[in-house]
Amino acid sequence: MSFAYLGALLLSLAGLTTLDYKNKLAFFGKPKKALITLAIPYLFFVVWDLSGITAGIFFRGNINHMIGITLFPEFPIEEVFFLGVLCYTALLLTAKFARSK
């Protein structure tokens, strides 16, 4: 069991939150709009992952760097935070580029 991957994801989320706070790009600028904008792709990717797992396409793989807790078969808890990093990064980049026009 290792907290390395989860720790890296949490550190990434902290960094993204700091950037958001400093630049007021999403949750610290327009929180309701940011929540909706983040939730839609986040839920899409959760459904995507679960569909891929059900179809036998996605699997957990090497778990040496993970805690070993799964929320669903082949769906590690780290995936929840990874999808958060993925969607939050996209949200901040989109907000920054939209603001610079």
PDB file of N, CA and C in Angstrom:
ATOM      1  N   MET A   1       0.845  -1.173   0.000  1.00  0.00           N
ATOM      2  CA  MET A   1       0.000   0.000   0.000  1.00  0.00           C
ATOM      3  C   MET A   1       0.894   1.241   0.000  1.00  0.00           C
ATOM      4  N   SER A   2       0.542   2.176  -0.874  1.00  0.00           N
ATOM      5  CA  SER A   2       1.321   3.397  -0.984  1.00  0.00           C
ATOM      6  C   SER A   2       0.385   4.576  -1.207  1.00  0.00           C
ATOM      7  N   PHE A   3       0.705   5.675  -0.571  1.00  0.00           N
ATOM      8  CA  PHE A   3      -0.083   6.888  -0.736  1.00  0.00           C
ATOM      9  C   PHE A   3       0.551   7.838  -1.755  1.00  0.00           C
ATOM     10  N   ALA A   4       1.552   7.367  -2.495  1.00  0.00           N
ATOM     11  CA  ALA A   4       2.288   8.231  -3.417  1.00  0.00           C
ATOM     12  C   ALA A   4       1.384   8.847  -4.483  1.00  0.00           C
ATOM     13  N   TYR A   5       0.611   8.033  -5.158  1.00  0.00           N
ATOM     14  CA  TYR A   5      -0.238   8.529  -6.246  1.00  0.00           C
ATOM     15  C   TYR A   5      -1.325   9.447  -5.694  1.00  0.00           C
ATOM     16  N   LEU A   6      -1.995   9.020  -4.638  1.00  0.00           N
ATOM     17  CA  LEU A   6      -3.037   9.850  -4.036  1.00  0.00           C
ATOM     18  C   LEU A   6      -2.445  11.162  -3.532  1.00  0.00           C
ATOM     19  N   GLY A   7      -1.273  11.098  -2.932  1.00  0.00           N
ATOM     20  CA  GLY A   7      -0.606  12.318  -2.470  1.00  0.00           C
ATOM     21  C   GLY A   7      -0.296  13.272  -3.604  1.00  0.00           C
ATOM     22  N   ALA A   8       0.183  12.732  -4.720  1.00  0.00           N
ATOM     23  CA  ALA A   8       0.472  13.567  -5.891  1.00  0.00           C
ATOM     24  C   ALA A   8      -0.801  14.210  -6.435  1.00  0.00           C
ATOM     25  N   LEU A   9      -1.888  13.452  -6.452  1.00  0.00           N
ATOM     26  CA  LEU A   9      -3.158  14.001  -6.934  1.00  0.00           C
ATOM     27  C   LEU A   9      -3.671  15.099  -6.013  1.00  0.00           C
ATOM     28  N   LEU A  10      -3.572  14.878  -4.712  1.00  0.00           N
ATOM     29  CA  LEU A  10      -4.025  15.898  -3.758  1.00  0.00           C
ATOM     30  C   LEU A  10      -3.159  17.153  -3.827  1.00  0.00           C
ATOM     31  N   LEU A  11      -1.868  16.961  -4.016  1.00  0.00           N
ATOM     32  CA  LEU A  11      -0.972  18.106  -4.182  1.00  0.00           C
ATOM     33  C   LEU A  11      -1.324  18.877  -5.460  1.00  0.00           C
ATOM     34  N   SER A  12      -1.639  18.161  -6.512  1.00  0.00           N
ATOM     35  CA  SER A  12      -2.047  18.797  -7.765  1.00  0.00           C
ATOM     36  C   SER A  12      -3.335  19.587  -7.590  1.00  0.00           C
ATOM     37  N   LEU A  13      -4.296  19.002  -6.893  1.00  0.00           N
ATOM     38  CA  LEU A  13      -5.550  19.716  -6.640  1.00  0.00           C
ATOM     39  C   LEU A  13      -5.313  20.963  -5.795  1.00  0.00           C
ATOM     40  N   ALA A  14      -4.408  20.876  -4.835  1.00  0.00           N
ATOM     41  CA  ALA A  14      -4.075  22.046  -4.019  1.00  0.00           C
ATOM     42  C   ALA A  14      -3.446  23.142  -4.876  1.00  0.00           C
ATOM     43  N   GLY A  15      -2.576  22.752  -5.783  1.00  0.00           N
ATOM     44  CA  GLY A  15      -1.957  23.726  -6.686  1.00  0.00           C
ATOM     45  C   GLY A  15      -2.975  24.375  -7.609  1.00  0.00           C
ATOM     46  N   LEU A  16      -3.885  23.578  -8.142  1.00  0.00           N
ATOM     47  CA  LEU A  16      -4.934  24.123  -9.009  1.00  0.00           C
ATOM     48  C   LEU A  16      -5.840  25.071  -8.238  1.00  0.00           C
ATOM     49  N   THR A  17      -6.158  24.717  -7.016  1.00  0.00           N
ATOM     50  CA  THR A  17      -6.997  25.573  -6.173  1.00  0.00           C
ATOM     51  C   THR A  17      -6.288  26.891  -5.877  1.00  0.00           C
ATOM     52  N   THR A  18      -4.990  26.822  -5.653  1.00  0.00           N
ATOM     53  CA  THR A  18      -4.203  28.040  -5.415  1.00  0.00           C
ATOM     54  C   THR A  18      -4.214  28.948  -6.647  1.00  0.00           C
ATOM     55  N   LEU A  19      -4.037  28.352  -7.823  1.00  0.00           N
ATOM     56  CA  LEU A  19      -4.097  29.139  -9.067  1.00  0.00           C
ATOM     57  C   LEU A  19      -5.480  29.759  -9.260  1.00  0.00           C
ATOM     58  N   ASP A  20      -6.494  28.985  -8.961  1.00  0.00           N
ATOM     59  CA  ASP A  20      -7.860  29.481  -9.079  1.00  0.00           C
ATOM     60  C   ASP A  20      -8.083  30.647  -8.120  1.00  0.00           C
ATOM     61  N   TYR A  21      -7.635  30.507  -6.888  1.00  0.00           N
ATOM     62  CA  TYR A  21      -7.799  31.562  -5.887  1.00  0.00           C
ATOM     63  C   TYR A  21      -7.058  32.840  -6.302  1.00  0.00           C
ATOM     64  N   LYS A  22      -5.838  32.666  -6.754  1.00  0.00           N
ATOM     65  CA  LYS A  22      -5.015  33.822  -7.122  1.00  0.00           C
ATOM     66  C   LYS A  22      -5.603  34.576  -8.316  1.00  0.00           C
ATOM     67  N   ASN A  23      -6.113  33.846  -9.296  1.00  0.00           N
ATOM     68  CA  ASN A  23      -6.581  34.460 -10.540  1.00  0.00           C
ATOM     69  C   ASN A  23      -8.103  34.571 -10.644  1.00  0.00           C
ATOM     70  N   LYS A  24      -8.828  34.050  -9.655  1.00  0.00           N
ATOM     71  CA  LYS A  24     -10.298  34.100  -9.643  1.00  0.00           C
ATOM     72  C   LYS A  24     -10.880  33.575 -10.964  1.00  0.00           C
ATOM     73  N   LEU A  25     -10.403  32.400 -11.379  1.00  0.00           N
ATOM     74  CA  LEU A  25     -10.793  31.860 -12.679  1.00  0.00           C
ATOM     75  C   LEU A  25     -12.084  31.046 -12.645  1.00  0.00           C
ATOM     76  N   ALA A  26     -12.336  30.334 -11.561  1.00  0.00           N
ATOM     77  CA  ALA A  26     -13.477  29.427 -11.547  1.00  0.00           C
ATOM     78  C   ALA A  26     -14.235  29.535 -10.223  1.00  0.00           C
ATOM     79  N   PHE A  27     -13.927  28.653  -9.290  1.00  0.00           N
ATOM     80  CA  PHE A  27     -14.670  28.589  -8.032  1.00  0.00           C
ATOM     81  C   PHE A  27     -14.532  29.852  -7.188  1.00  0.00           C
ATOM     82  N   PHE A  28     -13.456  30.586  -7.350  1.00  0.00           N
ATOM     83  CA  PHE A  28     -13.268  31.812  -6.579  1.00  0.00           C
ATOM     84  C   PHE A  28     -13.727  33.045  -7.359  1.00  0.00           C
ATOM     85  N   GLY A  29     -14.250  32.826  -8.553  1.00  0.00           N
ATOM     86  CA  GLY A  29     -14.793  33.914  -9.354  1.00  0.00           C
ATOM     87  C   GLY A  29     -16.292  33.775  -9.533  1.00  0.00           C
ATOM     88  N   LYS A  30     -16.681  32.649 -10.120  1.00  0.00           N
ATOM     89  CA  LYS A  30     -18.098  32.344 -10.349  1.00  0.00           C
ATOM     90  C   LYS A  30     -18.350  30.903  -9.902  1.00  0.00           C
ATOM     91  N   PRO A  31     -18.546  30.688  -8.612  1.00  0.00           N
ATOM     92  CA  PRO A  31     -18.606  29.326  -8.079  1.00  0.00           C
ATOM     93  C   PRO A  31     -19.736  28.455  -8.637  1.00  0.00           C
ATOM     94  N   LYS A  32     -20.927  29.015  -8.803  1.00  0.00           N
ATOM     95  CA  LYS A  32     -22.048  28.208  -9.308  1.00  0.00           C
ATOM     96  C   LYS A  32     -21.784  27.748 -10.740  1.00  0.00           C
ATOM     97  N   LYS A  33     -21.334  28.663 -11.562  1.00  0.00           N
ATOM     98  CA  LYS A  33     -21.020  28.338 -12.957  1.00  0.00           C
ATOM     99  C   LYS A  33     -19.878  27.325 -13.022  1.00  0.00           C
ATOM    100  N   ALA A  34     -18.885  27.492 -12.172  1.00  0.00           N
ATOM    101  CA  ALA A  34     -17.742  26.576 -12.148  1.00  0.00           C
ATOM    102  C   ALA A  34     -18.165  25.174 -11.727  1.00  0.00           C
ATOM    103  N   LEU A  35     -19.021  25.080 -10.730  1.00  0.00           N
ATOM    104  CA  LEU A  35     -19.483  23.780 -10.262  1.00  0.00           C
ATOM    105  C   LEU A  35     -20.228  23.027 -11.353  1.00  0.00           C
ATOM    106  N   ILE A  36     -21.109  23.708 -12.044  1.00  0.00           N
ATOM    107  CA  ILE A  36     -21.852  23.072 -13.134  1.00  0.00           C
ATOM    108  C   ILE A  36     -20.905  22.681 -14.261  1.00  0.00           C
ATOM    109  N   THR A  37     -19.995  23.577 -14.598  1.00  0.00           N
ATOM    110  CA  THR A  37     -19.055  23.326 -15.687  1.00  0.00           C
ATOM    111  C   THR A  37     -18.098  22.187 -15.369  1.00  0.00           C
ATOM    112  N   LEU A  38     -17.762  22.011 -14.124  1.00  0.00           N
ATOM    113  CA  LEU A  38     -16.882  20.917 -13.715  1.00  0.00           C
ATOM    114  C   LEU A  38     -17.650  19.602 -13.570  1.00  0.00           C
ATOM    115  N   ALA A  39     -18.860  19.675 -13.057  1.00  0.00           N
ATOM    116  CA  ALA A  39     -19.636  18.460 -12.765  1.00  0.00           C
ATOM    117  C   ALA A  39     -20.021  17.682 -14.021  1.00  0.00           C
ATOM    118  N   ILE A  40     -20.352  18.368 -15.080  1.00  0.00           N
ATOM    119  CA  ILE A  40     -20.813  17.679 -16.295  1.00  0.00           C
ATOM    120  C   ILE A  40     -19.733  16.771 -16.878  1.00  0.00           C
ATOM    121  N   PRO A  41     -18.536  17.264 -17.177  1.00  0.00           N
ATOM    122  CA  PRO A  41     -17.518  16.338 -17.706  1.00  0.00           C
ATOM    123  C   PRO A  41     -17.051  15.321 -16.667  1.00  0.00           C
ATOM    124  N   TYR A  42     -17.037  15.712 -15.396  1.00  0.00           N
ATOM    125  CA  TYR A  42     -16.630  14.789 -14.339  1.00  0.00           C
ATOM    126  C   TYR A  42     -17.548  13.567 -14.320  1.00  0.00           C
ATOM    127  N   LEU A  43     -18.844  13.811 -14.308  1.00  0.00           N
ATOM    128  CA  LEU A  43     -19.805  12.704 -14.320  1.00  0.00           C
ATOM    129  C   LEU A  43     -19.718  11.897 -15.604  1.00  0.00           C
ATOM    130  N   PHE A  44     -19.490  12.579 -16.718  1.00  0.00           N
ATOM    131  CA  PHE A  44     -19.313  11.884 -17.997  1.00  0.00           C
ATOM    132  C   PHE A  44     -18.144  10.898 -17.906  1.00  0.00           C
ATOM    133  N   PHE A  45     -17.021  11.353 -17.357  1.00  0.00           N
ATOM    134  CA  PHE A  45     -15.847  10.483 -17.267  1.00  0.00           C
ATOM    135  C   PHE A  45     -16.038   9.339 -16.269  1.00  0.00           C
ATOM    136  N   VAL A  46     -16.787   9.564 -15.207  1.00  0.00           N
ATOM    137  CA  VAL A  46     -17.089   8.469 -14.279  1.00  0.00           C
ATOM    138  C   VAL A  46     -17.908   7.400 -15.001  1.00  0.00           C
ATOM    139  N   VAL A  47     -18.939   7.832 -15.722  1.00  0.00           N
ATOM    140  CA  VAL A  47     -19.757   6.886 -16.492  1.00  0.00           C
ATOM    141  C   VAL A  47     -18.902   6.203 -17.557  1.00  0.00           C
ATOM    142  N   TRP A  48     -18.032   6.957 -18.213  1.00  0.00           N
ATOM    143  CA  TRP A  48     -17.123   6.417 -19.228  1.00  0.00           C
ATOM    144  C   TRP A  48     -16.244   5.316 -18.623  1.00  0.00           C
ATOM    145  N   ASP A  49     -15.656   5.609 -17.476  1.00  0.00           N
ATOM    146  CA  ASP A  49     -14.802   4.628 -16.798  1.00  0.00           C
ATOM    147  C   ASP A  49     -15.581   3.371 -16.420  1.00  0.00           C
ATOM    148  N   LEU A  50     -16.738   3.567 -15.816  1.00  0.00           N
ATOM    149  CA  LEU A  50     -17.537   2.416 -15.399  1.00  0.00           C
ATOM    150  C   LEU A  50     -17.996   1.587 -16.601  1.00  0.00           C
ATOM    151  N   SER A  51     -18.305   2.261 -17.705  1.00  0.00           N
ATOM    152  CA  SER A  51     -18.679   1.536 -18.931  1.00  0.00           C
ATOM    153  C   SER A  51     -17.492   0.739 -19.473  1.00  0.00           C
ATOM    154  N   GLY A  52     -16.326   1.342 -19.459  1.00  0.00           N
ATOM    155  CA  GLY A  52     -15.121   0.652 -19.912  1.00  0.00           C
ATOM    156  C   GLY A  52     -14.762  -0.525 -19.029  1.00  0.00           C
ATOM    157  N   ILE A  53     -14.965  -0.386 -17.732  1.00  0.00           N
ATOM    158  CA  ILE A  53     -14.708  -1.472 -16.789  1.00  0.00           C
ATOM    159  C   ILE A  53     -15.683  -2.615 -17.049  1.00  0.00           C
ATOM    160  N   THR A  54     -16.953  -2.271 -17.220  1.00  0.00           N
ATOM    161  CA  THR A  54     -17.978  -3.279 -17.489  1.00  0.00           C
ATOM    162  C   THR A  54     -17.695  -4.028 -18.789  1.00  0.00           C
ATOM    163  N   ALA A  55     -17.202  -3.317 -19.787  1.00  0.00           N
ATOM    164  CA  ALA A  55     -16.889  -3.928 -21.085  1.00  0.00           C
ATOM    165  C   ALA A  55     -15.577  -4.710 -21.063  1.00  0.00           C
ATOM    166  N   GLY A  56     -14.837  -4.613 -19.967  1.00  0.00           N
ATOM    167  CA  GLY A  56     -13.565  -5.319 -19.859  1.00  0.00           C
ATOM    168  C   GLY A  56     -12.404  -4.612 -20.528  1.00  0.00           C
ATOM    169  N   ILE A  57     -12.590  -3.348 -20.857  1.00  0.00           N
ATOM    170  CA  ILE A  57     -11.545  -2.563 -21.524  1.00  0.00           C
ATOM    171  C   ILE A  57     -10.607  -1.928 -20.507  1.00  0.00           C
ATOM    172  N   PHE A  58     -11.159  -1.374 -19.431  1.00  0.00           N
ATOM    173  CA  PHE A  58     -10.369  -0.711 -18.397  1.00  0.00           C
ATOM    174  C   PHE A  58     -10.191  -1.649 -17.210  1.00  0.00           C
ATOM    175  N   PHE A  59      -9.008  -1.607 -16.631  1.00  0.00           N
ATOM    176  CA  PHE A  59      -8.749  -2.379 -15.419  1.00  0.00           C
ATOM    177  C   PHE A  59      -7.728  -1.633 -14.588  1.00  0.00           C
ATOM    178  N   ARG A  60      -7.641  -1.991 -13.356  1.00  0.00           N
ATOM    179  CA  ARG A  60      -6.820  -1.259 -12.389  1.00  0.00           C
ATOM    180  C   ARG A  60      -5.331  -1.363 -12.670  1.00  0.00           C
ATOM    181  N   GLY A  61      -4.856  -2.478 -13.097  1.00  0.00           N
ATOM    182  CA  GLY A  61      -3.440  -2.626 -13.409  1.00  0.00           C
ATOM    183  C   GLY A  61      -2.561  -2.719 -12.173  1.00  0.00           C
ATOM    184  N   ASN A  62      -1.330  -2.241 -12.289  1.00  0.00           N
ATOM    185  CA  ASN A  62      -0.344  -2.302 -11.212  1.00  0.00           C
ATOM    186  C   ASN A  62      -0.755  -1.378 -10.075  1.00  0.00           C
ATOM    187  N   ILE A  63      -0.907  -1.944  -8.882  1.00  0.00           N
ATOM    188  CA  ILE A  63      -1.384  -1.134  -7.760  1.00  0.00           C
ATOM    189  C   ILE A  63      -0.306  -0.860  -6.714  1.00  0.00           C
ATOM    190  N   ASN A  64       0.950  -1.015  -7.064  1.00  0.00           N
ATOM    191  CA  ASN A  64       2.029  -0.792  -6.099  1.00  0.00           C
ATOM    192  C   ASN A  64       2.074   0.644  -5.587  1.00  0.00           C
ATOM    193  N   HIS A  65       1.625   1.593  -6.380  1.00  0.00           N
ATOM    194  CA  HIS A  65       1.692   3.000  -5.991  1.00  0.00           C
ATOM    195  C   HIS A  65       0.335   3.536  -5.511  1.00  0.00           C
ATOM    196  N   MET A  66      -0.638   2.632  -5.311  1.00  0.00           N
ATOM    197  CA  MET A  66      -1.970   3.047  -4.881  1.00  0.00           C
ATOM    198  C   MET A  66      -2.316   2.452  -3.512  1.00  0.00           C
ATOM    199  N   ILE A  67      -3.357   2.996  -2.911  1.00  0.00           N
ATOM    200  CA  ILE A  67      -3.796   2.545  -1.599  1.00  0.00           C
ATOM    201  C   ILE A  67      -4.359   1.125  -1.659  1.00  0.00           C
ATOM    202  N   GLY A  68      -5.101   0.824  -2.710  1.00  0.00           N
ATOM    203  CA  GLY A  68      -5.706  -0.495  -2.845  1.00  0.00           C
ATOM    204  C   GLY A  68      -7.190  -0.518  -2.538  1.00  0.00           C
ATOM    205  N   ILE A  69      -7.768   0.633  -2.253  1.00  0.00           N
ATOM    206  CA  ILE A  69      -9.206   0.727  -1.992  1.00  0.00           C
ATOM    207  C   ILE A  69      -9.917   0.982  -3.311  1.00  0.00           C
ATOM    208  N   THR A  70     -10.959   0.196  -3.584  1.00  0.00           N
ATOM    209  CA  THR A  70     -11.753   0.409  -4.788  1.00  0.00           C
ATOM    210  C   THR A  70     -13.179   0.785  -4.399  1.00  0.00           C
ATOM    211  N   LEU A  71     -13.758   1.699  -5.163  1.00  0.00           N
ATOM    212  CA  LEU A  71     -15.144   2.099  -4.935  1.00  0.00           C
ATOM    213  C   LEU A  71     -16.096   1.145  -5.646  1.00  0.00           C
ATOM    214  N   PHE A  72     -15.666   0.686  -6.802  1.00  0.00           N
ATOM    215  CA  PHE A  72     -16.350  -0.323  -7.596  1.00  0.00           C
ATOM    216  C   PHE A  72     -15.263  -1.281  -8.055  1.00  0.00           C
ATOM    217  N   PRO A  73     -15.613  -2.460  -8.530  1.00  0.00           N
ATOM    218  CA  PRO A  73     -14.564  -3.346  -9.047  1.00  0.00           C
ATOM    219  C   PRO A  73     -13.743  -2.638 -10.134  1.00  0.00           C
ATOM    220  N   GLU A  74     -12.431  -2.661  -9.991  1.00  0.00           N
ATOM    221  CA  GLU A  74     -11.488  -2.047 -10.934  1.00  0.00           C
ATOM    222  C   GLU A  74     -11.556  -0.513 -10.974  1.00  0.00           C
ATOM    223  N   PHE A  75     -12.201   0.121 -10.002  1.00  0.00           N
ATOM    224  CA  PHE A  75     -12.324   1.576  -9.950  1.00  0.00           C
ATOM    225  C   PHE A  75     -11.715   2.064  -8.637  1.00  0.00           C
ATOM    226  N   PRO A  76     -10.394   2.323  -8.650  1.00  0.00           N
ATOM    227  CA  PRO A  76      -9.714   2.723  -7.408  1.00  0.00           C
ATOM    228  C   PRO A  76     -10.136   4.112  -6.948  1.00  0.00           C
ATOM    229  N   ILE A  77     -10.011   4.348  -5.680  1.00  0.00           N
ATOM    230  CA  ILE A  77     -10.387   5.642  -5.104  1.00  0.00           C
ATOM    231  C   ILE A  77      -9.566   6.776  -5.727  1.00  0.00           C
ATOM    232  N   GLU A  78      -8.361   6.479  -6.141  1.00  0.00           N
ATOM    233  CA  GLU A  78      -7.512   7.506  -6.770  1.00  0.00           C
ATOM    234  C   GLU A  78      -8.124   8.046  -8.057  1.00  0.00           C
ATOM    235  N   GLU A  79      -8.937   7.234  -8.725  1.00  0.00           N
ATOM    236  CA  GLU A  79      -9.561   7.664  -9.984  1.00  0.00           C
ATOM    237  C   GLU A  79     -10.487   8.857  -9.757  1.00  0.00           C
ATOM    238  N   VAL A  80     -11.130   8.893  -8.607  1.00  0.00           N
ATOM    239  CA  VAL A  80     -12.011  10.016  -8.264  1.00  0.00           C
ATOM    240  C   VAL A  80     -11.210  11.320  -8.265  1.00  0.00           C
ATOM    241  N   PHE A  81     -10.037  11.286  -7.682  1.00  0.00           N
ATOM    242  CA  PHE A  81      -9.202  12.484  -7.608  1.00  0.00           C
ATOM    243  C   PHE A  81      -8.517  12.787  -8.938  1.00  0.00           C
ATOM    244  N   PHE A  82      -8.144  11.738  -9.682  1.00  0.00           N
ATOM    245  CA  PHE A  82      -7.554  11.947 -11.003  1.00  0.00           C
ATOM    246  C   PHE A  82      -8.540  12.669 -11.917  1.00  0.00           C
ATOM    247  N   LEU A  83      -9.786  12.232 -11.917  1.00  0.00           N
ATOM    248  CA  LEU A  83     -10.792  12.889 -12.751  1.00  0.00           C
ATOM    249  C   LEU A  83     -11.007  14.328 -12.305  1.00  0.00           C
ATOM    250  N   GLY A  84     -10.894  14.575 -11.012  1.00  0.00           N
ATOM    251  CA  GLY A  84     -10.976  15.945 -10.509  1.00  0.00           C
ATOM    252  C   GLY A  84      -9.840  16.810 -11.040  1.00  0.00           C
ATOM    253  N   VAL A  85      -8.633  16.279 -11.014  1.00  0.00           N
ATOM    254  CA  VAL A  85      -7.476  17.012 -11.551  1.00  0.00           C
ATOM    255  C   VAL A  85      -7.663  17.276 -13.036  1.00  0.00           C
ATOM    256  N   LEU A  86      -8.088  16.261 -13.757  1.00  0.00           N
ATOM    257  CA  LEU A  86      -8.286  16.387 -15.201  1.00  0.00           C
ATOM    258  C   LEU A  86      -9.309  17.475 -15.529  1.00  0.00           C
ATOM    259  N   CYS A  87     -10.458  17.418 -14.899  1.00  0.00           N
ATOM    260  CA  CYS A  87     -11.530  18.368 -15.197  1.00  0.00           C
ATOM    261  C   CYS A  87     -11.230  19.772 -14.677  1.00  0.00           C
ATOM    262  N   TYR A  88     -10.622  19.870 -13.519  1.00  0.00           N
ATOM    263  CA  TYR A  88     -10.285  21.182 -12.938  1.00  0.00           C
ATOM    264  C   TYR A  88      -9.217  21.874 -13.788  1.00  0.00           C
ATOM    265  N   THR A  89      -8.245  21.109 -14.249  1.00  0.00           N
ATOM    266  CA  THR A  89      -7.218  21.673 -15.134  1.00  0.00           C
ATOM    267  C   THR A  89      -7.846  22.216 -16.409  1.00  0.00           C
ATOM    268  N   ALA A  90      -8.720  21.434 -17.019  1.00  0.00           N
ATOM    269  CA  ALA A  90      -9.394  21.874 -18.249  1.00  0.00           C
ATOM    270  C   ALA A  90     -10.236  23.119 -17.985  1.00  0.00           C
ATOM    271  N   LEU A  91     -10.924  23.153 -16.856  1.00  0.00           N
ATOM    272  CA  LEU A  91     -11.742  24.310 -16.510  1.00  0.00           C
ATOM    273  C   LEU A  91     -10.893  25.564 -16.352  1.00  0.00           C
ATOM    274  N   LEU A  92      -9.789  25.450 -15.633  1.00  0.00           N
ATOM    275  CA  LEU A  92      -8.934  26.623 -15.417  1.00  0.00           C
ATOM    276  C   LEU A  92      -8.288  27.105 -16.715  1.00  0.00           C
ATOM    277  N   LEU A  93      -7.841  26.169 -17.539  1.00  0.00           N
ATOM    278  CA  LEU A  93      -7.249  26.563 -18.821  1.00  0.00           C
ATOM    279  C   LEU A  93      -8.268  27.251 -19.717  1.00  0.00           C
ATOM    280  N   THR A  94      -9.455  26.694 -19.775  1.00  0.00           N
ATOM    281  CA  THR A  94     -10.510  27.291 -20.595  1.00  0.00           C
ATOM    282  C   THR A  94     -10.882  28.679 -20.081  1.00  0.00           C
ATOM    283  N   ALA A  95     -11.003  28.816 -18.764  1.00  0.00           N
ATOM    284  CA  ALA A  95     -11.340  30.114 -18.185  1.00  0.00           C
ATOM    285  C   ALA A  95     -10.252  31.137 -18.449  1.00  0.00           C
ATOM    286  N   LYS A  96      -8.998  30.735 -18.351  1.00  0.00           N
ATOM    287  CA  LYS A  96      -7.876  31.651 -18.576  1.00  0.00           C
ATOM    288  C   LYS A  96      -7.835  32.109 -20.031  1.00  0.00           C
ATOM    289  N   PHE A  97      -7.992  31.156 -20.959  1.00  0.00           N
ATOM    290  CA  PHE A  97      -7.973  31.518 -22.381  1.00  0.00           C
ATOM    291  C   PHE A  97      -9.185  32.368 -22.763  1.00  0.00           C
ATOM    292  N   ALA A  98     -10.337  32.108 -22.180  1.00  0.00           N
ATOM    293  CA  ALA A  98     -11.526  32.905 -22.465  1.00  0.00           C
ATOM    294  C   ALA A  98     -11.359  34.327 -21.931  1.00  0.00           C
ATOM    295  N   ARG A  99     -10.689  34.459 -20.806  1.00  0.00           N
ATOM    296  CA  ARG A  99     -10.478  35.767 -20.202  1.00  0.00           C
ATOM    297  C   ARG A  99      -9.461  36.594 -20.991  1.00  0.00           C
ATOM    298  N   SER A 100      -8.523  35.936 -21.644  1.00  0.00           N
ATOM    299  CA  SER A 100      -7.443  36.659 -22.342  1.00  0.00           C
ATOM    300  C   SER A 100      -7.857  37.144 -23.721  1.00  0.00           C
ATOM    301  N   LYS A 101      -9.045  36.807 -24.174  1.00  0.00           N
ATOM    302  CA  LYS A 101      -9.497  37.275 -25.507  1.00  0.00           C
ATOM    303  C   LYS A 101      -9.972  38.699 -25.453  1.00  0.00           C
TER     304      LYS A 101
END
